[in-house]
Amino acid sequence: PSSPCFTLHPALPASGIIAKALMNPPGGWYKQLILEEEHNHTREAAKGSEGWVDTVLIYAKMYLNKNWVRSVLALFCWIFVGVLYGTQSNQRMSSVTAIYFAISSVATGG
């Protein structure tokens, strides 16, 4: 007879299947495969381009489709506009104060 310590609860295998289904939604591996092939195609196009400007534009187009890149660009644009506003408007802030103003306005939003 088996010891009660080593028996598995009947719901454990089912919970593993549910957890796996939640972590890997339907079509997840397929979408990942398509994305990898698109990136490979883009890399091949960058290798076949004649100049370095074309290569930079191809890689920029590839990375601008990622959400984290868009978020970082939006953050830098917000800070840049805040610094311009602080230094060039009637506020007449110093550069350091304008950077502090821009970053603190991002931090207090919401």
N, C-alpha and C. Protein backbone atom coordinates (compact mmCIF):
# COMPACT_ATOMS: atom_id res chain seq x y z
N PRO A 1 0.84 -1.19 0.00
CA PRO A 1 0.00 0.00 0.00
C PRO A 1 0.88 1.25 0.00
N SER A 2 0.41 2.24 -0.69
CA SER A 2 1.20 3.48 -0.78
C SER A 2 0.93 4.37 0.42
N SER A 3 1.91 5.10 0.76
CA SER A 3 1.82 6.01 1.90
C SER A 3 1.03 7.25 1.51
N PRO A 4 0.25 7.84 2.42
CA PRO A 4 -0.52 9.04 2.10
C PRO A 4 0.35 10.23 1.74
N CYS A 5 1.63 10.22 2.14
CA CYS A 5 2.50 11.35 1.82
C CYS A 5 2.83 11.41 0.33
N PHE A 6 2.82 10.25 -0.33
CA PHE A 6 3.27 10.21 -1.70
C PHE A 6 2.14 10.14 -2.72
N THR A 7 0.92 10.25 -2.29
CA THR A 7 -0.19 10.21 -3.24
C THR A 7 -0.46 11.63 -3.74
N LEU A 8 -0.83 11.74 -4.99
CA LEU A 8 -1.15 13.02 -5.60
C LEU A 8 -2.63 13.31 -5.48
N HIS A 9 -2.91 14.53 -5.24
CA HIS A 9 -4.31 14.95 -5.21
C HIS A 9 -4.84 14.87 -6.64
N PRO A 10 -6.08 14.41 -6.85
CA PRO A 10 -6.59 14.25 -8.21
C PRO A 10 -6.69 15.57 -8.98
N ALA A 11 -6.76 16.70 -8.31
CA ALA A 11 -6.90 17.98 -9.02
C ALA A 11 -5.55 18.53 -9.48
N LEU A 12 -4.42 18.02 -8.98
CA LEU A 12 -3.11 18.57 -9.34
C LEU A 12 -2.80 18.45 -10.82
N PRO A 13 -2.98 17.30 -11.47
CA PRO A 13 -2.69 17.26 -12.91
C PRO A 13 -3.60 18.20 -13.70
N ALA A 14 -4.85 18.33 -13.30
CA ALA A 14 -5.75 19.24 -14.01
C ALA A 14 -5.33 20.69 -13.82
N SER A 15 -4.88 21.04 -12.62
CA SER A 15 -4.45 22.42 -12.40
C SER A 15 -3.20 22.74 -13.21
N GLY A 16 -2.34 21.76 -13.42
CA GLY A 16 -1.17 21.96 -14.27
C GLY A 16 -1.56 22.22 -15.71
N ILE A 17 -2.56 21.51 -16.19
CA ILE A 17 -3.04 21.72 -17.56
C ILE A 17 -3.66 23.11 -17.69
N ILE A 18 -4.42 23.52 -16.70
CA ILE A 18 -5.04 24.85 -16.73
C ILE A 18 -3.97 25.94 -16.68
N ALA A 19 -2.97 25.76 -15.82
CA ALA A 19 -1.89 26.75 -15.73
C ALA A 19 -1.13 26.85 -17.04
N LYS A 20 -0.88 25.72 -17.66
CA LYS A 20 -0.17 25.73 -18.94
C LYS A 20 -1.00 26.41 -20.02
N ALA A 21 -2.31 26.17 -20.01
CA ALA A 21 -3.19 26.81 -20.99
C ALA A 21 -3.25 28.32 -20.78
N LEU A 22 -3.20 28.76 -19.52
CA LEU A 22 -3.22 30.19 -19.25
C LEU A 22 -1.91 30.86 -19.65
N MET A 23 -0.80 30.16 -19.44
CA MET A 23 0.50 30.74 -19.78
C MET A 23 0.76 30.72 -21.28
N ASN A 24 0.21 29.78 -22.00
CA ASN A 24 0.39 29.66 -23.44
C ASN A 24 -0.97 29.71 -24.11
N PRO A 25 -1.46 30.91 -24.45
CA PRO A 25 -2.78 30.99 -25.06
C PRO A 25 -2.80 30.32 -26.43
N PRO A 26 -3.99 29.95 -26.92
CA PRO A 26 -4.07 29.29 -28.23
C PRO A 26 -3.45 30.17 -29.31
N GLY A 27 -2.64 29.56 -30.14
CA GLY A 27 -2.00 30.29 -31.21
C GLY A 27 -0.76 31.03 -30.76
N GLY A 28 -0.39 30.93 -29.48
CA GLY A 28 0.77 31.66 -28.97
C GLY A 28 2.06 31.24 -29.64
N TRP A 29 2.28 29.94 -29.75
CA TRP A 29 3.51 29.47 -30.38
C TRP A 29 3.52 29.80 -31.86
N TYR A 30 2.34 29.77 -32.48
CA TYR A 30 2.24 30.05 -33.90
C TYR A 30 2.53 31.53 -34.17
N LYS A 31 1.97 32.40 -33.33
CA LYS A 31 2.22 33.83 -33.48
C LYS A 31 3.70 34.14 -33.26
N GLN A 32 4.30 33.46 -32.30
CA GLN A 32 5.73 33.65 -32.03
C GLN A 32 6.57 33.19 -33.22
N LEU A 33 6.19 32.09 -33.84
CA LEU A 33 6.90 31.59 -35.01
C LEU A 33 6.80 32.57 -36.17
N ILE A 34 5.61 33.12 -36.39
CA ILE A 34 5.42 34.10 -37.47
C ILE A 34 6.26 35.34 -37.20
N LEU A 35 6.28 35.81 -35.96
CA LEU A 35 7.07 36.99 -35.60
C LEU A 35 8.56 36.74 -35.82
N GLU A 36 9.04 35.57 -35.45
CA GLU A 36 10.45 35.24 -35.66
C GLU A 36 10.79 35.21 -37.15
N GLU A 37 9.89 34.67 -37.97
CA GLU A 37 10.14 34.63 -39.41
C GLU A 37 10.12 36.03 -40.02
N GLU A 38 9.24 36.90 -39.53
CA GLU A 38 9.23 38.29 -39.99
C GLU A 38 10.53 38.99 -39.63
N HIS A 39 11.04 38.73 -38.42
CA HIS A 39 12.31 39.34 -38.01
C HIS A 39 13.46 38.79 -38.85
N ASN A 40 13.44 37.48 -39.14
CA ASN A 40 14.49 36.91 -40.00
C ASN A 40 14.45 37.53 -41.39
N HIS A 41 13.25 37.73 -41.92
CA HIS A 41 13.11 38.34 -43.24
C HIS A 41 13.63 39.78 -43.21
N THR A 42 13.33 40.50 -42.13
CA THR A 42 13.80 41.89 -41.99
C THR A 42 15.32 41.94 -41.88
N ARG A 43 15.90 41.00 -41.14
CA ARG A 43 17.36 40.96 -41.01
C ARG A 43 18.02 40.65 -42.35
N GLU A 44 17.43 39.76 -43.13
CA GLU A 44 17.96 39.45 -44.46
C GLU A 44 17.87 40.67 -45.37
N ALA A 45 16.77 41.42 -45.26
CA ALA A 45 16.63 42.64 -46.06
C ALA A 45 17.68 43.67 -45.65
N ALA A 46 18.00 43.72 -44.35
CA ALA A 46 19.02 44.66 -43.88
C ALA A 46 20.40 44.26 -44.39
N LYS A 47 20.68 42.96 -44.43
CA LYS A 47 21.97 42.50 -44.95
C LYS A 47 22.10 42.80 -46.44
N GLY A 48 20.99 42.72 -47.17
CA GLY A 48 21.02 42.93 -48.61
C GLY A 48 20.94 44.39 -49.02
N SER A 49 20.75 45.29 -48.08
CA SER A 49 20.66 46.70 -48.43
C SER A 49 22.04 47.26 -48.77
N GLU A 50 22.05 48.31 -49.58
CA GLU A 50 23.32 48.83 -50.07
C GLU A 50 24.02 49.76 -49.09
N GLY A 51 23.29 50.60 -48.41
CA GLY A 51 23.92 51.57 -47.53
C GLY A 51 23.57 51.34 -46.08
N TRP A 52 24.29 52.02 -45.21
CA TRP A 52 24.03 51.86 -43.78
C TRP A 52 22.76 52.57 -43.35
N VAL A 53 22.36 53.59 -44.09
CA VAL A 53 21.13 54.30 -43.76
C VAL A 53 19.93 53.38 -43.95
N ASP A 54 19.93 52.61 -45.04
CA ASP A 54 18.84 51.66 -45.27
C ASP A 54 18.78 50.61 -44.17
N THR A 55 19.94 50.16 -43.72
CA THR A 55 19.99 49.16 -42.65
C THR A 55 19.43 49.74 -41.36
N VAL A 56 19.79 50.97 -41.04
CA VAL A 56 19.29 51.61 -39.82
C VAL A 56 17.78 51.79 -39.91
N LEU A 57 17.27 52.20 -41.06
CA LEU A 57 15.82 52.38 -41.22
C LEU A 57 15.07 51.06 -41.10
N ILE A 58 15.63 50.01 -41.63
CA ILE A 58 14.99 48.69 -41.55
C ILE A 58 14.93 48.22 -40.09
N TYR A 59 16.04 48.36 -39.35
CA TYR A 59 16.03 47.94 -37.95
C TYR A 59 15.15 48.86 -37.10
N ALA A 60 15.11 50.15 -37.41
CA ALA A 60 14.23 51.06 -36.68
C ALA A 60 12.78 50.67 -36.89
N LYS A 61 12.42 50.32 -38.12
CA LYS A 61 11.05 49.90 -38.40
C LYS A 61 10.71 48.61 -37.63
N MET A 62 11.70 47.72 -37.50
CA MET A 62 11.47 46.47 -36.80
C MET A 62 11.28 46.73 -35.30
N TYR A 63 12.10 47.60 -34.71
CA TYR A 63 12.02 47.82 -33.27
C TYR A 63 10.90 48.77 -32.87
N LEU A 64 10.44 49.61 -33.77
CA LEU A 64 9.34 50.51 -33.43
C LEU A 64 8.01 49.77 -33.29
N ASN A 65 7.97 48.51 -33.70
CA ASN A 65 6.76 47.71 -33.52
C ASN A 65 6.67 47.10 -32.13
N LYS A 66 7.70 47.28 -31.31
CA LYS A 66 7.70 46.72 -29.96
C LYS A 66 7.14 47.76 -28.99
N ASN A 67 6.30 47.31 -28.08
CA ASN A 67 5.63 48.23 -27.16
C ASN A 67 6.58 48.94 -26.21
N TRP A 68 7.62 48.26 -25.72
CA TRP A 68 8.52 48.89 -24.77
C TRP A 68 9.32 50.00 -25.43
N VAL A 69 9.64 49.87 -26.73
CA VAL A 69 10.36 50.92 -27.44
C VAL A 69 9.46 52.15 -27.58
N ARG A 70 8.20 51.92 -27.90
CA ARG A 70 7.25 53.03 -28.01
C ARG A 70 7.09 53.75 -26.67
N SER A 71 7.06 52.98 -25.59
CA SER A 71 6.92 53.59 -24.26
C SER A 71 8.12 54.44 -23.90
N VAL A 72 9.31 53.94 -24.17
CA VAL A 72 10.52 54.70 -23.86
C VAL A 72 10.60 55.96 -24.72
N LEU A 73 10.24 55.85 -26.00
CA LEU A 73 10.23 57.03 -26.86
C LEU A 73 9.22 58.06 -26.39
N ALA A 74 8.05 57.61 -25.96
CA ALA A 74 7.05 58.55 -25.44
C ALA A 74 7.56 59.25 -24.18
N LEU A 75 8.24 58.51 -23.32
CA LEU A 75 8.81 59.10 -22.11
C LEU A 75 9.84 60.17 -22.44
N PHE A 76 10.76 59.86 -23.37
CA PHE A 76 11.78 60.83 -23.74
C PHE A 76 11.17 62.05 -24.43
N CYS A 77 10.15 61.84 -25.24
CA CYS A 77 9.47 62.98 -25.88
C CYS A 77 8.81 63.86 -24.83
N TRP A 78 8.16 63.24 -23.84
CA TRP A 78 7.51 64.00 -22.78
C TRP A 78 8.54 64.84 -22.01
N ILE A 79 9.67 64.23 -21.67
CA ILE A 79 10.71 64.94 -20.93
C ILE A 79 11.30 66.06 -21.79
N PHE A 80 11.51 65.81 -23.07
CA PHE A 80 12.06 66.81 -23.97
C PHE A 80 11.13 68.02 -24.08
N VAL A 81 9.83 67.74 -24.26
CA VAL A 81 8.86 68.84 -24.35
C VAL A 81 8.79 69.59 -23.03
N GLY A 82 8.84 68.89 -21.92
CA GLY A 82 8.83 69.55 -20.62
C GLY A 82 10.04 70.44 -20.40
N VAL A 83 11.20 69.98 -20.83
CA VAL A 83 12.41 70.79 -20.71
C VAL A 83 12.33 72.02 -21.61
N LEU A 84 11.83 71.83 -22.83
CA LEU A 84 11.65 72.99 -23.72
C LEU A 84 10.68 74.00 -23.13
N TYR A 85 9.59 73.51 -22.59
CA TYR A 85 8.61 74.41 -21.98
C TYR A 85 9.23 75.17 -20.80
N GLY A 86 9.94 74.46 -19.97
CA GLY A 86 10.52 75.09 -18.79
C GLY A 86 11.59 76.12 -19.11
N THR A 87 12.39 75.85 -20.13
CA THR A 87 13.49 76.77 -20.43
C THR A 87 13.11 77.88 -21.40
N GLN A 88 12.16 77.63 -22.29
CA GLN A 88 11.87 78.60 -23.34
C GLN A 88 10.60 79.42 -23.10
N SER A 89 9.78 79.06 -22.15
CA SER A 89 8.54 79.80 -21.91
C SER A 89 8.79 80.92 -20.90
N ASN A 90 7.73 81.51 -20.43
CA ASN A 90 7.83 82.57 -19.43
C ASN A 90 8.34 82.06 -18.08
N GLN A 91 8.41 80.75 -17.92
CA GLN A 91 8.87 80.17 -16.66
C GLN A 91 10.35 80.48 -16.40
N ARG A 92 11.17 80.48 -17.45
CA ARG A 92 12.60 80.76 -17.37
C ARG A 92 13.32 79.93 -16.31
N MET A 93 13.10 78.63 -16.41
CA MET A 93 13.77 77.71 -15.49
C MET A 93 15.19 77.43 -15.97
N SER A 94 16.04 77.03 -15.05
CA SER A 94 17.35 76.53 -15.48
C SER A 94 17.14 75.15 -16.09
N SER A 95 18.16 74.64 -16.77
CA SER A 95 18.04 73.33 -17.42
C SER A 95 17.79 72.22 -16.40
N VAL A 96 18.49 72.28 -15.27
CA VAL A 96 18.33 71.26 -14.24
C VAL A 96 16.91 71.31 -13.65
N THR A 97 16.42 72.50 -13.40
CA THR A 97 15.07 72.65 -12.85
C THR A 97 14.02 72.19 -13.87
N ALA A 98 14.27 72.47 -15.15
CA ALA A 98 13.33 72.04 -16.19
C ALA A 98 13.29 70.51 -16.31
N ILE A 99 14.44 69.87 -16.19
CA ILE A 99 14.47 68.40 -16.22
C ILE A 99 13.72 67.85 -15.01
N TYR A 100 13.96 68.44 -13.84
CA TYR A 100 13.25 68.03 -12.63
C TYR A 100 11.74 68.22 -12.81
N PHE A 101 11.33 69.34 -13.38
CA PHE A 101 9.92 69.62 -13.64
C PHE A 101 9.31 68.55 -14.57
N ALA A 102 10.01 68.23 -15.65
CA ALA A 102 9.49 67.27 -16.63
C ALA A 102 9.36 65.88 -16.01
N ILE A 103 10.36 65.45 -15.28
CA ILE A 103 10.33 64.11 -14.70
C ILE A 103 9.30 64.03 -13.58
N SER A 104 9.19 65.09 -12.77
CA SER A 104 8.21 65.04 -11.68
C SER A 104 6.78 65.11 -12.23
N SER A 105 6.58 65.76 -13.38
CA SER A 105 5.24 65.78 -13.95
C SER A 105 4.87 64.41 -14.51
N VAL A 106 5.83 63.65 -14.99
CA VAL A 106 5.56 62.28 -15.42
C VAL A 106 5.23 61.41 -14.21
N ALA A 107 5.96 61.60 -13.12
CA ALA A 107 5.79 60.77 -11.94
C ALA A 107 4.48 61.02 -11.21
N THR A 108 3.91 62.22 -11.33
CA THR A 108 2.69 62.52 -10.60
C THR A 108 1.43 62.31 -11.45
N GLY A 109 1.59 61.95 -12.70
CA GLY A 109 0.41 61.74 -13.56
C GLY A 109 -0.37 60.51 -13.12
N GLY A 110 -1.68 60.61 -13.18
CA GLY A 110 -2.53 59.46 -12.88
C GLY A 110 -3.05 59.57 -11.51
